[in-house]
Amino acid sequence: MADNTTKQENRPGPSANEQELNPKTQHYEFLGPIGAFGFVTVLPLLVLFFATCCGPSGYPSQDLLNDWRGFLAILTSREHLLTMLDWKAMAVYLAFVAVLAVFANVLSGDVIPGTTLRNGQRLKYRLNAFASFYNIFLLLIALLVQLKLGLSPLTFVYDHWVGLVTASILFSYLVSLAVYIKSFQPGALLALGGNTGNALYDYVIGRELNPRIGEFDIKFFTELRPGLIGWIMLNVCFAVKQYLDLGRVTNAMGLVLFFHTWYVADGLWNEEACLTTMDITSDGFGFMLAFGLYTWVPMTYTLQARYLVDFPRDISYLEFGLIFALNILGYYIFRSANSQKNEFRTNPESPAVKHLKYLKTERGTKLIISSWWGISRHINYLGDWLMALSWCLPCGFGSAVPYFYAIYFAILLIHRERRDDYSCRIKYGKDWDKYCSIVKYRIIPGIY
């Protein structure tokens, strides 16, 4: 054993087989190293901007609008920067992630194989995200009841918001660094897009495809749990804050809370569908995914709920009904299209999808060209965006900030569609051109 270990430690470099399995990435995405630098600097600052420059005086703050130089001088002062390092908030954030990690390992759930990787492996995944979701709420309720604390401890989130945001950002940096270092271990299967040799770019894009600690898959854990479950927990805390301030929860807040919770619960319930997404099958796990799921999702997707704490609002029955109908339409398109695709991939002989027309490629795979997927190549993106818009509308039009999610999400979906189109052109060649001539629209039928 000692001799084998020594040989492995002293090996001069990857073998020919490893080089073939993990080829050097030949092209950059997201503007290459310059874009990567933007990811690790601009995006965290943007999240911190929303946390520190939006509040009861306005979104953005009236103080910022009146004297932006003086306001920014205060924000960048040593005293303020030290207050951002809120140790209580950091402890709470780390405890939250730790509990979810424990739940991921100990709660029961179906164990199923993922897609076949290019090294021939099929990793196994335990599906218990939904169980983690309701168990963490049960744990929280039990603690509050047992200790007879009432609802007031939940206002911690609103009172320590900047500290929680800072903790999530620091955690994202550290997790990304840990998996980047780990990716240099012998035998690691690297992501085809994250092996350029440029340290910053690979750190951001993600060098290793499926970093694991034993059976614990770090990327799969991160994909649904901290971001989505954290999102709803924060929303609930904001709703409690509004209730304690007003003595009630407004119908606008109730609508936002319902929409977000339904979306997250649905995603967690259909956890298996996550295994066929680009995030899991082809993207490496680096800062882009870590920051997106530990910070971006929970700390920016909650903008509407936080806004309604500072600017509570009730909406008319007509407005309520129209927004609700828009959300249902978006959800119907999103869920039925995704379910149809997933069923076709996993069980093509199912009566629900057996009737679908498809284009058979030279690779032997099948591209659906009828039903939802004959209308546009990413009809699910349209449904997803309609839901995003419905989440923002309950906030009214007093500020553009609560609409940040809908604006950003539209840009993200268009970029994601372009990325997918590029990879499919490489993957399918002339078959993709034929497919595009049949299914002409990218996302919005008749428009785009």
Foldseek 3Di string as FASTA:
>chain_A
DVVVVVCQVPPPDDDPVVCVLAPAQDDAPCPFLVSLVCLLPVVLVVLLCQQQQAFLCHVRHPVCVVPVVVVVCVCPDPVNVVLLQPVVLLVVLVVQLVLLLVCLPPPQADWDWFDQAPVRDTAIGGQCQLVSLVVVVVVVVCVCVVVVPPLVVLLCCVVSVSNNLSSLSVVLQVVLVVQLVVCPRPPFRFFSRQRNPPSSRNQAQATGQFDDDVSRTPLLSLQQHQQLSLQLSNLVSLQSLLCVVPVHGAVLSVVLSVLSVVVNSVCSVVSVLVSPDCSRHHTHDHSNSSCCRSRVRNSQVCSQSNLCSSVPDHDDPVLVVVLVVLLVVLCVQQVVVSVQVVCCVPPVCDPVNVPFDWDQAPVRDTHTCDDSCVQAVPQNLVSVLSSLVSSQPSSPPPDCSSVVRSVVSVVVVVVVLVVVLVVVCVVRPVSSVVSCVRRVHHHDGPPD
